[in-house]
Amino acid sequence: MKKVEIFDPAMCCSTGVCGPSVDPNLTRVASAVYSLGQKDVDIKRFNLANEPAAFAENETVNQVLQEKGADALPVTLLDGEVVKVGEYPTNEEFAEWLEVRAKELTQKPRVRVSVKLD
């Protein structure tokens, strides 16, 4: 099973709904990561503001930060190798790397709610 790790810049949360305006790219990535997690894909995000140790302990990410600075974030690793620097993967890239259909990453979750009317 392939493993994806995304090292985010410092931000209040990974959803993209905080701050003065909604960041549609962050909401897309959050949705894709959620969908991939539901498919048991090994995918994790690390926020520099909340998990600085993850950045310091990962030699690959640490090297990217030393060479390019914090503007290199986000950094995406696929099986420990850098595959994207400075921007988030597209849904098509996630699909290619993880052998899923990009369309699956934009589907809304299906939830059944039972309502009993008396």
PDB file of N, CA and C in Angstrom:
ATOM      1  N   MET A   1       0.842  -1.183   0.000  1.00  0.00           N
ATOM      2  CA  MET A   1       0.000   0.000   0.000  1.00  0.00           C
ATOM      3  C   MET A   1       0.884   1.242   0.000  1.00  0.00           C
ATOM      4  N   LYS A   2       0.535   2.180  -0.865  1.00  0.00           N
ATOM      5  CA  LYS A   2       1.301   3.418  -0.945  1.00  0.00           C
ATOM      6  C   LYS A   2       0.924   4.338   0.211  1.00  0.00           C
ATOM      7  N   LYS A   3       1.876   5.197   0.560  1.00  0.00           N
ATOM      8  CA  LYS A   3       1.681   6.100   1.678  1.00  0.00           C
ATOM      9  C   LYS A   3       1.899   7.542   1.208  1.00  0.00           C
ATOM     10  N   VAL A   4       0.948   8.400   1.513  1.00  0.00           N
ATOM     11  CA  VAL A   4       1.051   9.816   1.169  1.00  0.00           C
ATOM     12  C   VAL A   4       1.111  10.621   2.462  1.00  0.00           C
ATOM     13  N   GLU A   5       2.059  11.542   2.516  1.00  0.00           N
ATOM     14  CA  GLU A   5       2.162  12.466   3.642  1.00  0.00           C
ATOM     15  C   GLU A   5       2.214  13.877   3.083  1.00  0.00           C
ATOM     16  N   ILE A   6       1.367  14.740   3.635  1.00  0.00           N
ATOM     17  CA  ILE A   6       1.328  16.140   3.220  1.00  0.00           C
ATOM     18  C   ILE A   6       1.741  16.989   4.410  1.00  0.00           C
ATOM     19  N   PHE A   7       2.770  17.787   4.216  1.00  0.00           N
ATOM     20  CA  PHE A   7       3.275  18.672   5.264  1.00  0.00           C
ATOM     21  C   PHE A   7       2.820  20.090   4.924  1.00  0.00           C
ATOM     22  N   ASP A   8       1.807  20.549   5.665  1.00  0.00           N
ATOM     23  CA  ASP A   8       1.168  21.834   5.426  1.00  0.00           C
ATOM     24  C   ASP A   8       1.954  22.969   6.063  1.00  0.00           C
ATOM     25  N   PRO A   9       1.790  24.178   5.523  1.00  0.00           N
ATOM     26  CA  PRO A   9       2.330  25.336   6.238  1.00  0.00           C
ATOM     27  C   PRO A   9       1.531  25.552   7.523  1.00  0.00           C
ATOM     28  N   ALA A  10       2.018  26.442   8.358  1.00  0.00           N
ATOM     29  CA  ALA A  10       1.301  26.736   9.600  1.00  0.00           C
ATOM     30  C   ALA A  10      -0.034  27.388   9.265  1.00  0.00           C
ATOM     31  N   MET A  11      -1.088  26.802   9.754  1.00  0.00           N
ATOM     32  CA  MET A  11      -2.432  27.348   9.569  1.00  0.00           C
ATOM     33  C   MET A  11      -3.304  26.864  10.718  1.00  0.00           C
ATOM     34  N   CYS A  12      -4.442  27.527  10.892  1.00  0.00           N
ATOM     35  CA  CYS A  12      -5.271  27.203  12.058  1.00  0.00           C
ATOM     36  C   CYS A  12      -5.920  25.836  11.925  1.00  0.00           C
ATOM     37  N   CYS A  13      -6.252  25.413  10.714  1.00  0.00           N
ATOM     38  CA  CYS A  13      -6.793  24.063  10.482  1.00  0.00           C
ATOM     39  C   CYS A  13      -6.582  23.708   9.014  1.00  0.00           C
ATOM     40  N   SER A  14      -6.872  22.475   8.661  1.00  0.00           N
ATOM     41  CA  SER A  14      -6.595  21.998   7.305  1.00  0.00           C
ATOM     42  C   SER A  14      -7.802  22.066   6.373  1.00  0.00           C
ATOM     43  N   THR A  15      -8.909  22.627   6.857  1.00  0.00           N
ATOM     44  CA  THR A  15     -10.127  22.588   6.055  1.00  0.00           C
ATOM     45  C   THR A  15     -10.233  23.710   5.040  1.00  0.00           C
ATOM     46  N   GLY A  16      -9.594  24.830   5.304  1.00  0.00           N
ATOM     47  CA  GLY A  16      -9.692  25.963   4.401  1.00  0.00           C
ATOM     48  C   GLY A  16     -10.888  26.850   4.643  1.00  0.00           C
ATOM     49  N   VAL A  17     -11.656  26.582   5.689  1.00  0.00           N
ATOM     50  CA  VAL A  17     -12.837  27.403   5.953  1.00  0.00           C
ATOM     51  C   VAL A  17     -12.575  28.480   6.999  1.00  0.00           C
ATOM     52  N   CYS A  18     -11.399  28.500   7.577  1.00  0.00           N
ATOM     53  CA  CYS A  18     -11.072  29.517   8.565  1.00  0.00           C
ATOM     54  C   CYS A  18     -10.475  30.733   7.857  1.00  0.00           C
ATOM     55  N   GLY A  19     -10.350  31.798   8.567  1.00  0.00           N
ATOM     56  CA  GLY A  19      -9.729  32.982   8.004  1.00  0.00           C
ATOM     57  C   GLY A  19     -10.749  33.890   7.349  1.00  0.00           C
ATOM     58  N   PRO A  20     -10.244  34.929   6.689  1.00  0.00           N
ATOM     59  CA  PRO A  20     -11.154  35.932   6.128  1.00  0.00           C
ATOM     60  C   PRO A  20     -11.999  35.418   4.962  1.00  0.00           C
ATOM     61  N   SER A  21     -11.527  34.373   4.271  1.00  0.00           N
ATOM     62  CA  SER A  21     -12.318  33.811   3.170  1.00  0.00           C
ATOM     63  C   SER A  21     -12.022  32.319   3.049  1.00  0.00           C
ATOM     64  N   VAL A  22     -12.947  31.602   2.447  1.00  0.00           N
ATOM     65  CA  VAL A  22     -12.775  30.163   2.242  1.00  0.00           C
ATOM     66  C   VAL A  22     -11.768  29.937   1.124  1.00  0.00           C
ATOM     67  N   ASP A  23     -10.815  29.017   1.371  1.00  0.00           N
ATOM     68  CA  ASP A  23      -9.834  28.657   0.349  1.00  0.00           C
ATOM     69  C   ASP A  23     -10.336  27.389  -0.340  1.00  0.00           C
ATOM     70  N   PRO A  24     -10.858  27.499  -1.564  1.00  0.00           N
ATOM     71  CA  PRO A  24     -11.440  26.324  -2.228  1.00  0.00           C
ATOM     72  C   PRO A  24     -10.427  25.205  -2.478  1.00  0.00           C
ATOM     73  N   ASN A  25      -9.150  25.564  -2.642  1.00  0.00           N
ATOM     74  CA  ASN A  25      -8.143  24.524  -2.859  1.00  0.00           C
ATOM     75  C   ASN A  25      -7.934  23.700  -1.593  1.00  0.00           C
ATOM     76  N   LEU A  26      -7.926  24.365  -0.440  1.00  0.00           N
ATOM     77  CA  LEU A  26      -7.774  23.629   0.820  1.00  0.00           C
ATOM     78  C   LEU A  26      -8.986  22.755   1.104  1.00  0.00           C
ATOM     79  N   THR A  27     -10.171  23.253   0.785  1.00  0.00           N
ATOM     80  CA  THR A  27     -11.362  22.422   1.004  1.00  0.00           C
ATOM     81  C   THR A  27     -11.349  21.224   0.059  1.00  0.00           C
ATOM     82  N   ARG A  28     -10.850  21.415  -1.165  1.00  0.00           N
ATOM     83  CA  ARG A  28     -10.740  20.292  -2.114  1.00  0.00           C
ATOM     84  C   ARG A  28      -9.772  19.246  -1.581  1.00  0.00           C
ATOM     85  N   VAL A  29      -8.609  19.709  -1.095  1.00  0.00           N
ATOM     86  CA  VAL A  29      -7.614  18.765  -0.561  1.00  0.00           C
ATOM     87  C   VAL A  29      -8.170  18.054   0.674  1.00  0.00           C
ATOM     88  N   ALA A  30      -8.826  18.798   1.564  1.00  0.00           N
ATOM     89  CA  ALA A  30      -9.404  18.168   2.754  1.00  0.00           C
ATOM     90  C   ALA A  30     -10.422  17.109   2.363  1.00  0.00           C
ATOM     91  N   SER A  31     -11.231  17.412   1.361  1.00  0.00           N
ATOM     92  CA  SER A  31     -12.232  16.453   0.892  1.00  0.00           C
ATOM     93  C   SER A  31     -11.569  15.224   0.267  1.00  0.00           C
ATOM     94  N   ALA A  32     -10.544  15.445  -0.547  1.00  0.00           N
ATOM     95  CA  ALA A  32      -9.839  14.325  -1.182  1.00  0.00           C
ATOM     96  C   ALA A  32      -9.166  13.442  -0.133  1.00  0.00           C
ATOM     97  N   VAL A  33      -8.520  14.070   0.851  1.00  0.00           N
ATOM     98  CA  VAL A  33      -7.852  13.302   1.913  1.00  0.00           C
ATOM     99  C   VAL A  33      -8.888  12.493   2.697  1.00  0.00           C
ATOM    100  N   TYR A  34     -10.042  13.104   2.970  1.00  0.00           N
ATOM    101  CA  TYR A  34     -11.101  12.381   3.682  1.00  0.00           C
ATOM    102  C   TYR A  34     -11.566  11.178   2.847  1.00  0.00           C
ATOM    103  N   SER A  35     -11.816  11.412   1.558  1.00  0.00           N
ATOM    104  CA  SER A  35     -12.295  10.327   0.687  1.00  0.00           C
ATOM    105  C   SER A  35     -11.265   9.199   0.601  1.00  0.00           C
ATOM    106  N   LEU A  36     -10.001   9.564   0.486  1.00  0.00           N
ATOM    107  CA  LEU A  36      -8.953   8.544   0.411  1.00  0.00           C
ATOM    108  C   LEU A  36      -8.837   7.789   1.731  1.00  0.00           C
ATOM    109  N   GLY A  37      -8.992   8.492   2.836  1.00  0.00           N
ATOM    110  CA  GLY A  37      -8.971   7.832   4.142  1.00  0.00           C
ATOM    111  C   GLY A  37     -10.109   6.836   4.289  1.00  0.00           C
ATOM    112  N   GLN A  38     -11.267   7.167   3.720  1.00  0.00           N
ATOM    113  CA  GLN A  38     -12.411   6.249   3.761  1.00  0.00           C
ATOM    114  C   GLN A  38     -12.138   4.983   2.952  1.00  0.00           C
ATOM    115  N   LYS A  39     -11.206   5.086   1.997  1.00  0.00           N
ATOM    116  CA  LYS A  39     -10.834   3.931   1.175  1.00  0.00           C
ATOM    117  C   LYS A  39      -9.629   3.198   1.760  1.00  0.00           C
ATOM    118  N   ASP A  40      -9.315   3.506   3.001  1.00  0.00           N
ATOM    119  CA  ASP A  40      -8.193   2.890   3.713  1.00  0.00           C
ATOM    120  C   ASP A  40      -6.836   3.188   3.092  1.00  0.00           C
ATOM    121  N   VAL A  41      -6.758   4.303   2.387  1.00  0.00           N
ATOM    122  CA  VAL A  41      -5.459   4.755   1.870  1.00  0.00           C
ATOM    123  C   VAL A  41      -4.673   5.340   3.040  1.00  0.00           C
ATOM    124  N   ASP A  42      -3.396   5.038   3.076  1.00  0.00           N
ATOM    125  CA  ASP A  42      -2.524   5.563   4.133  1.00  0.00           C
ATOM    126  C   ASP A  42      -2.133   6.985   3.745  1.00  0.00           C
ATOM    127  N   ILE A  43      -2.899   7.961   4.219  1.00  0.00           N
ATOM    128  CA  ILE A  43      -2.657   9.369   3.886  1.00  0.00           C
ATOM    129  C   ILE A  43      -2.790  10.199   5.161  1.00  0.00           C
ATOM    130  N   LYS A  44      -1.783  11.056   5.366  1.00  0.00           N
ATOM    131  CA  LYS A  44      -1.753  11.872   6.574  1.00  0.00           C
ATOM    132  C   LYS A  44      -1.334  13.293   6.222  1.00  0.00           C
ATOM    133  N   ARG A  45      -1.860  14.229   6.990  1.00  0.00           N
ATOM    134  CA  ARG A  45      -1.448  15.626   6.859  1.00  0.00           C
ATOM    135  C   ARG A  45      -0.846  16.078   8.173  1.00  0.00           C
ATOM    136  N   PHE A  46       0.161  16.920   8.065  1.00  0.00           N
ATOM    137  CA  PHE A  46       0.819  17.478   9.247  1.00  0.00           C
ATOM    138  C   PHE A  46       0.811  18.994   9.111  1.00  0.00           C
ATOM    139  N   ASN A  47       0.339  19.661  10.136  1.00  0.00           N
ATOM    140  CA  ASN A  47       0.268  21.121  10.153  1.00  0.00           C
ATOM    141  C   ASN A  47       1.455  21.642  10.953  1.00  0.00           C
ATOM    142  N   LEU A  48       2.234  22.513  10.328  1.00  0.00           N
ATOM    143  CA  LEU A  48       3.429  23.036  10.993  1.00  0.00           C
ATOM    144  C   LEU A  48       3.087  23.711  12.317  1.00  0.00           C
ATOM    145  N   ALA A  49       1.927  24.344  12.403  1.00  0.00           N
ATOM    146  CA  ALA A  49       1.540  25.046  13.636  1.00  0.00           C
ATOM    147  C   ALA A  49       1.269  24.084  14.793  1.00  0.00           C
ATOM    148  N   ASN A  50       0.761  22.888  14.467  1.00  0.00           N
ATOM    149  CA  ASN A  50       0.369  21.949  15.525  1.00  0.00           C
ATOM    150  C   ASN A  50       1.324  20.783  15.713  1.00  0.00           C
ATOM    151  N   GLU A  51       2.079  20.443  14.667  1.00  0.00           N
ATOM    152  CA  GLU A  51       2.931  19.253  14.729  1.00  0.00           C
ATOM    153  C   GLU A  51       4.348  19.550  14.221  1.00  0.00           C
ATOM    154  N   PRO A  52       5.035  20.509  14.809  1.00  0.00           N
ATOM    155  CA  PRO A  52       6.377  20.860  14.299  1.00  0.00           C
ATOM    156  C   PRO A  52       7.369  19.705  14.402  1.00  0.00           C
ATOM    157  N   ALA A  53       7.182  18.820  15.339  1.00  0.00           N
ATOM    158  CA  ALA A  53       8.102  17.691  15.492  1.00  0.00           C
ATOM    159  C   ALA A  53       8.079  16.786  14.262  1.00  0.00           C
ATOM    160  N   ALA A  54       6.916  16.643  13.626  1.00  0.00           N
ATOM    161  CA  ALA A  54       6.823  15.796  12.428  1.00  0.00           C
ATOM    162  C   ALA A  54       7.713  16.350  11.317  1.00  0.00           C
ATOM    163  N   PHE A  55       7.814  17.663  11.241  1.00  0.00           N
ATOM    164  CA  PHE A  55       8.649  18.300  10.224  1.00  0.00           C
ATOM    165  C   PHE A  55      10.131  18.121  10.556  1.00  0.00           C
ATOM    166  N   ALA A  56      10.455  18.274  11.831  1.00  0.00           N
ATOM    167  CA  ALA A  56      11.850  18.181  12.261  1.00  0.00           C
ATOM    168  C   ALA A  56      12.362  16.741  12.179  1.00  0.00           C
ATOM    169  N   GLU A  57      11.477  15.787  12.453  1.00  0.00           N
ATOM    170  CA  GLU A  57      11.898  14.383  12.483  1.00  0.00           C
ATOM    171  C   GLU A  57      11.985  13.749  11.093  1.00  0.00           C
ATOM    172  N   ASN A  58      11.314  14.336  10.110  1.00  0.00           N
ATOM    173  CA  ASN A  58      11.356  13.780   8.761  1.00  0.00           C
ATOM    174  C   ASN A  58      12.538  14.393   8.018  1.00  0.00           C
ATOM    175  N   GLU A  59      13.562  13.606   7.763  1.00  0.00           N
ATOM    176  CA  GLU A  59      14.786  14.116   7.137  1.00  0.00           C
ATOM    177  C   GLU A  59      14.534  14.708   5.762  1.00  0.00           C
ATOM    178  N   THR A  60      13.651  14.104   4.996  1.00  0.00           N
ATOM    179  CA  THR A  60      13.372  14.579   3.639  1.00  0.00           C
ATOM    180  C   THR A  60      12.738  15.968   3.678  1.00  0.00           C
ATOM    181  N   VAL A  61      11.719  16.122   4.506  1.00  0.00           N
ATOM    182  CA  VAL A  61      11.034  17.414   4.620  1.00  0.00           C
ATOM    183  C   VAL A  61      11.973  18.451   5.230  1.00  0.00           C
ATOM    184  N   ASN A  62      12.714  18.034   6.216  1.00  0.00           N
ATOM    185  CA  ASN A  62      13.678  18.932   6.851  1.00  0.00           C
ATOM    186  C   ASN A  62      14.686  19.460   5.826  1.00  0.00           C
ATOM    187  N   GLN A  63      15.151  18.606   4.925  1.00  0.00           N
ATOM    188  CA  GLN A  63      16.107  19.020   3.894  1.00  0.00           C
ATOM    189  C   GLN A  63      15.466  20.017   2.923  1.00  0.00           C
ATOM    190  N   VAL A  64      14.207  19.756   2.525  1.00  0.00           N
ATOM    191  CA  VAL A  64      13.507  20.691   1.629  1.00  0.00           C
ATOM    192  C   VAL A  64      13.378  22.051   2.291  1.00  0.00           C
ATOM    193  N   LEU A  65      13.037  22.063   3.572  1.00  0.00           N
ATOM    194  CA  LEU A  65      12.874  23.334   4.289  1.00  0.00           C
ATOM    195  C   LEU A  65      14.194  24.077   4.429  1.00  0.00           C
ATOM    196  N   GLN A  66      15.277  23.346   4.637  1.00  0.00           N
ATOM    197  CA  GLN A  66      16.582  23.993   4.750  1.00  0.00           C
ATOM    198  C   GLN A  66      17.029  24.579   3.414  1.00  0.00           C
ATOM    199  N   GLU A  67      16.715  23.885   2.316  1.00  0.00           N
ATOM    200  CA  GLU A  67      17.132  24.345   0.989  1.00  0.00           C
ATOM    201  C   GLU A  67      16.249  25.476   0.450  1.00  0.00           C
ATOM    202  N   LYS A  68      14.939  25.368   0.700  1.00  0.00           N
ATOM    203  CA  LYS A  68      13.999  26.298   0.053  1.00  0.00           C
ATOM    204  C   LYS A  68      13.247  27.184   1.022  1.00  0.00           C
ATOM    205  N   GLY A  69      13.328  26.910   2.298  1.00  0.00           N
ATOM    206  CA  GLY A  69      12.613  27.716   3.278  1.00  0.00           C
ATOM    207  C   GLY A  69      11.163  27.299   3.423  1.00  0.00           C
ATOM    208  N   ALA A  70      10.473  28.006   4.303  1.00  0.00           N
ATOM    209  CA  ALA A  70       9.081  27.650   4.619  1.00  0.00           C
ATOM    210  C   ALA A  70       8.137  27.895   3.443  1.00  0.00           C
ATOM    211  N   ASP A  71       8.563  28.715   2.460  1.00  0.00           N
ATOM    212  CA  ASP A  71       7.717  28.926   1.283  1.00  0.00           C
ATOM    213  C   ASP A  71       7.575  27.655   0.443  1.00  0.00           C
ATOM    214  N   ALA A  72       8.384  26.639   0.709  1.00  0.00           N
ATOM    215  CA  ALA A  72       8.284  25.376  -0.023  1.00  0.00           C
ATOM    216  C   ALA A  72       7.053  24.576   0.406  1.00  0.00           C
ATOM    217  N   LEU A  73       6.460  24.941   1.518  1.00  0.00           N
ATOM    218  CA  LEU A  73       5.279  24.213   2.002  1.00  0.00           C
ATOM    219  C   LEU A  73       4.050  24.607   1.195  1.00  0.00           C
ATOM    220  N   PRO A  74       3.176  23.688   0.932  1.00  0.00           N
ATOM    221  CA  PRO A  74       3.146  22.314   1.387  1.00  0.00           C
ATOM    222  C   PRO A  74       4.113  21.420   0.598  1.00  0.00           C
ATOM    223  N   VAL A  75       4.595  20.397   1.274  1.00  0.00           N
ATOM    224  CA  VAL A  75       5.436  19.378   0.664  1.00  0.00           C
ATOM    225  C   VAL A  75       4.680  18.049   0.748  1.00  0.00           C
ATOM    226  N   THR A  76       4.624  17.363  -0.375  1.00  0.00           N
ATOM    227  CA  THR A  76       3.926  16.075  -0.410  1.00  0.00           C
ATOM    228  C   THR A  76       4.925  14.968  -0.686  1.00  0.00           C
ATOM    229  N   LEU A  77       4.867  13.929   0.152  1.00  0.00           N
ATOM    230  CA  LEU A  77       5.719  12.749  -0.016  1.00  0.00           C
ATOM    231  C   LEU A  77       4.858  11.567  -0.424  1.00  0.00           C
ATOM    232  N   LEU A  78       5.363  10.795  -1.356  1.00  0.00           N
ATOM    233  CA  LEU A  78       4.733   9.532  -1.743  1.00  0.00           C
ATOM    234  C   LEU A  78       5.751   8.442  -1.445  1.00  0.00           C
ATOM    235  N   ASP A  79       5.415   7.598  -0.524  1.00  0.00           N
ATOM    236  CA  ASP A  79       6.336   6.542  -0.072  1.00  0.00           C
ATOM    237  C   ASP A  79       7.701   7.117   0.314  1.00  0.00           C
ATOM    238  N   GLY A  80       7.659   8.272   0.979  1.00  0.00           N
ATOM    239  CA  GLY A  80       8.877   8.883   1.495  1.00  0.00           C
ATOM    240  C   GLY A  80       9.640   9.752   0.508  1.00  0.00           C
ATOM    241  N   GLU A  81       9.204   9.799  -0.757  1.00  0.00           N
ATOM    242  CA  GLU A  81       9.882  10.600  -1.775  1.00  0.00           C
ATOM    243  C   GLU A  81       9.078  11.864  -2.068  1.00  0.00           C
ATOM    244  N   VAL A  82       9.766  12.973  -2.270  1.00  0.00           N
ATOM    245  CA  VAL A  82       9.096  14.229  -2.586  1.00  0.00           C
ATOM    246  C   VAL A  82       8.470  14.135  -3.972  1.00  0.00           C
ATOM    247  N   VAL A  83       7.162  14.410  -4.055  1.00  0.00           N
ATOM    248  CA  VAL A  83       6.478  14.403  -5.344  1.00  0.00           C
ATOM    249  C   VAL A  83       5.870  15.769  -5.673  1.00  0.00           C
ATOM    250  N   LYS A  84       5.768  16.643  -4.685  1.00  0.00           N
ATOM    251  CA  LYS A  84       5.181  17.961  -4.932  1.00  0.00           C
ATOM    252  C   LYS A  84       5.706  18.930  -3.886  1.00  0.00           C
ATOM    253  N   VAL A  85       6.113  20.118  -4.335  1.00  0.00           N
ATOM    254  CA  VAL A  85       6.632  21.150  -3.432  1.00  0.00           C
ATOM    255  C   VAL A  85       5.952  22.474  -3.767  1.00  0.00           C
ATOM    256  N   GLY A  86       5.485  23.154  -2.738  1.00  0.00           N
ATOM    257  CA  GLY A  86       4.952  24.499  -2.915  1.00  0.00           C
ATOM    258  C   GLY A  86       3.499  24.588  -3.315  1.00  0.00           C
ATOM    259  N   GLU A  87       2.892  23.475  -3.596  1.00  0.00           N
ATOM    260  CA  GLU A  87       1.467  23.459  -3.906  1.00  0.00           C
ATOM    261  C   GLU A  87       0.892  22.076  -3.603  1.00  0.00           C
ATOM    262  N   TYR A  88      -0.415  22.045  -3.464  1.00  0.00           N
ATOM    263  CA  TYR A  88      -1.063  20.778  -3.134  1.00  0.00           C
ATOM    264  C   TYR A  88      -1.254  19.931  -4.386  1.00  0.00           C
ATOM    265  N   PRO A  89      -1.258  18.610  -4.208  1.00  0.00           N
ATOM    266  CA  PRO A  89      -1.529  17.734  -5.354  1.00  0.00           C
ATOM    267  C   PRO A  89      -2.940  17.977  -5.897  1.00  0.00           C
ATOM    268  N   THR A  90      -3.083  17.822  -7.179  1.00  0.00           N
ATOM    269  CA  THR A  90      -4.411  17.869  -7.784  1.00  0.00           C
ATOM    270  C   THR A  90      -5.112  16.536  -7.521  1.00  0.00           C
ATOM    271  N   ASN A  91      -6.407  16.506  -7.738  1.00  0.00           N
ATOM    272  CA  ASN A  91      -7.117  15.231  -7.586  1.00  0.00           C
ATOM    273  C   ASN A  91      -6.622  14.218  -8.604  1.00  0.00           C
ATOM    274  N   GLU A  92      -6.240  14.697  -9.782  1.00  0.00           N
ATOM    275  CA  GLU A  92      -5.722  13.791 -10.815  1.00  0.00           C
ATOM    276  C   GLU A  92      -4.394  13.174 -10.367  1.00  0.00           C
ATOM    277  N   GLU A  93      -3.565  13.957  -9.686  1.00  0.00           N
ATOM    278  CA  GLU A  93      -2.298  13.406  -9.188  1.00  0.00           C
ATOM    279  C   GLU A  93      -2.559  12.379  -8.086  1.00  0.00           C
ATOM    280  N   PHE A  94      -3.465  12.718  -7.158  1.00  0.00           N
ATOM    281  CA  PHE A  94      -3.824  11.722  -6.141  1.00  0.00           C
ATOM    282  C   PHE A  94      -4.292  10.428  -6.809  1.00  0.00           C
ATOM    283  N   ALA A  95      -5.146  10.574  -7.822  1.00  0.00           N
ATOM    284  CA  ALA A  95      -5.709   9.408  -8.506  1.00  0.00           C
ATOM    285  C   ALA A  95      -4.610   8.573  -9.168  1.00  0.00           C
ATOM    286  N   GLU A  96      -3.684   9.256  -9.829  1.00  0.00           N
ATOM    287  CA  GLU A  96      -2.599   8.548 -10.510  1.00  0.00           C
ATOM    288  C   GLU A  96      -1.698   7.828  -9.505  1.00  0.00           C
ATOM    289  N   TRP A  97      -1.330   8.506  -8.441  1.00  0.00           N
ATOM    290  CA  TRP A  97      -0.415   7.920  -7.465  1.00  0.00           C
ATOM    291  C   TRP A  97      -1.049   6.748  -6.721  1.00  0.00           C
ATOM    292  N   LEU A  98      -2.350   6.872  -6.446  1.00  0.00           N
ATOM    293  CA  LEU A  98      -2.994   5.909  -5.551  1.00  0.00           C
ATOM    294  C   LEU A  98      -3.928   4.950  -6.276  1.00  0.00           C
ATOM    295  N   GLU A  99      -3.938   5.047  -7.618  1.00  0.00           N
ATOM    296  CA  GLU A  99      -4.713   4.125  -8.440  1.00  0.00           C
ATOM    297  C   GLU A  99      -6.186   4.118  -8.063  1.00  0.00           C
ATOM    298  N   VAL A 100      -6.742   5.319  -7.985  1.00  0.00           N
ATOM    299  CA  VAL A 100      -8.183   5.485  -7.803  1.00  0.00           C
ATOM    300  C   VAL A 100      -8.651   6.426  -8.922  1.00  0.00           C
ATOM    301  N   ARG A 101      -9.940   6.545  -9.089  1.00  0.00           N
ATOM    302  CA  ARG A 101     -10.470   7.466 -10.088  1.00  0.00           C
ATOM    303  C   ARG A 101     -10.608   8.846  -9.461  1.00  0.00           C
ATOM    304  N   ALA A 102     -10.189   9.861 -10.183  1.00  0.00           N
ATOM    305  CA  ALA A 102     -10.274  11.236  -9.665  1.00  0.00           C
ATOM    306  C   ALA A 102     -11.710  11.598  -9.313  1.00  0.00           C
ATOM    307  N   LYS A 103     -12.649  11.068 -10.064  1.00  0.00           N
ATOM    308  CA  LYS A 103     -14.068  11.358  -9.819  1.00  0.00           C
ATOM    309  C   LYS A 103     -14.481  10.907  -8.416  1.00  0.00           C
ATOM    310  N   GLU A 104     -13.880   9.827  -7.933  1.00  0.00           N
ATOM    311  CA  GLU A 104     -14.210   9.314  -6.603  1.00  0.00           C
ATOM    312  C   GLU A 104     -13.833  10.303  -5.504  1.00  0.00           C
ATOM    313  N   LEU A 105     -12.916  11.200  -5.791  1.00  0.00           N
ATOM    314  CA  LEU A 105     -12.436  12.141  -4.775  1.00  0.00           C
ATOM    315  C   LEU A 105     -13.330  13.359  -4.637  1.00  0.00           C
ATOM    316  N   THR A 106     -14.295  13.484  -5.521  1.00  0.00           N
ATOM    317  CA  THR A 106     -15.196  14.632  -5.446  1.00  0.00           C
ATOM    318  C   THR A 106     -16.616  14.232  -5.085  1.00  0.00           C
ATOM    319  N   GLN A 107     -16.822  12.945  -4.862  1.00  0.00           N
ATOM    320  CA  GLN A 107     -18.167  12.483  -4.518  1.00  0.00           C
ATOM    321  C   GLN A 107     -18.495  12.835  -3.081  1.00  0.00           C
ATOM    322  N   LYS A 108     -19.714  13.225  -2.879  1.00  0.00           N
ATOM    323  CA  LYS A 108     -20.172  13.531  -1.533  1.00  0.00           C
ATOM    324  C   LYS A 108     -20.432  12.221  -0.789  1.00  0.00           C
ATOM    325  N   PRO A 109     -20.171  12.208   0.511  1.00  0.00           N
ATOM    326  CA  PRO A 109     -20.434  10.988   1.284  1.00  0.00           C
ATOM    327  C   PRO A 109     -21.910  10.655   1.271  1.00  0.00           C
ATOM    328  N   ARG A 110     -22.185   9.367   1.202  1.00  0.00           N
ATOM    329  CA  ARG A 110     -23.579   8.909   1.235  1.00  0.00           C
ATOM    330  C   ARG A 110     -23.914   8.487   2.657  1.00  0.00           C
ATOM    331  N   VAL A 111     -24.875   9.148   3.186  1.00  0.00           N
ATOM    332  CA  VAL A 111     -25.302   8.855   4.551  1.00  0.00           C
ATOM    333  C   VAL A 111     -26.798   8.601   4.516  1.00  0.00           C
ATOM    334  N   ARG A 112     -27.196   7.521   5.101  1.00  0.00           N
ATOM    335  CA  ARG A 112     -28.624   7.216   5.190  1.00  0.00           C
ATOM    336  C   ARG A 112     -29.107   7.607   6.568  1.00  0.00           C
ATOM    337  N   VAL A 113     -30.158   8.341   6.564  1.00  0.00           N
ATOM    338  CA  VAL A 113     -30.748   8.763   7.823  1.00  0.00           C
ATOM    339  C   VAL A 113     -32.171   8.215   7.874  1.00  0.00           C
ATOM    340  N   SER A 114     -32.452   7.518   8.914  1.00  0.00           N
ATOM    341  CA  SER A 114     -33.805   6.991   9.092  1.00  0.00           C
ATOM    342  C   SER A 114     -34.608   7.959   9.937  1.00  0.00           C
ATOM    343  N   VAL A 115     -35.755   8.264   9.454  1.00  0.00           N
ATOM    344  CA  VAL A 115     -36.648   9.152  10.192  1.00  0.00           C
ATOM    345  C   VAL A 115     -37.940   8.390  10.464  1.00  0.00           C
ATOM    346  N   LYS A 116     -38.274   8.293  11.712  1.00  0.00           N
ATOM    347  CA  LYS A 116     -39.501   7.587  12.079  1.00  0.00           C
ATOM    348  C   LYS A 116     -40.569   8.630  12.376  1.00  0.00           C
ATOM    349  N   LEU A 117     -41.601   8.605  11.582  1.00  0.00           N
ATOM    350  CA  LEU A 117     -42.708   9.536  11.785  1.00  0.00           C
ATOM    351  C   LEU A 117     -43.866   8.809  12.452  1.00  0.00           C
ATOM    352  N   ASP A 118     -44.330   9.326  13.511  1.00  0.00           N
ATOM    353  CA  ASP A 118     -45.475   8.703  14.203  1.00  0.00           C
ATOM    354  C   ASP A 118     -46.743   9.444  13.903  1.00  0.00           C
TER     355      ASP A 118
END
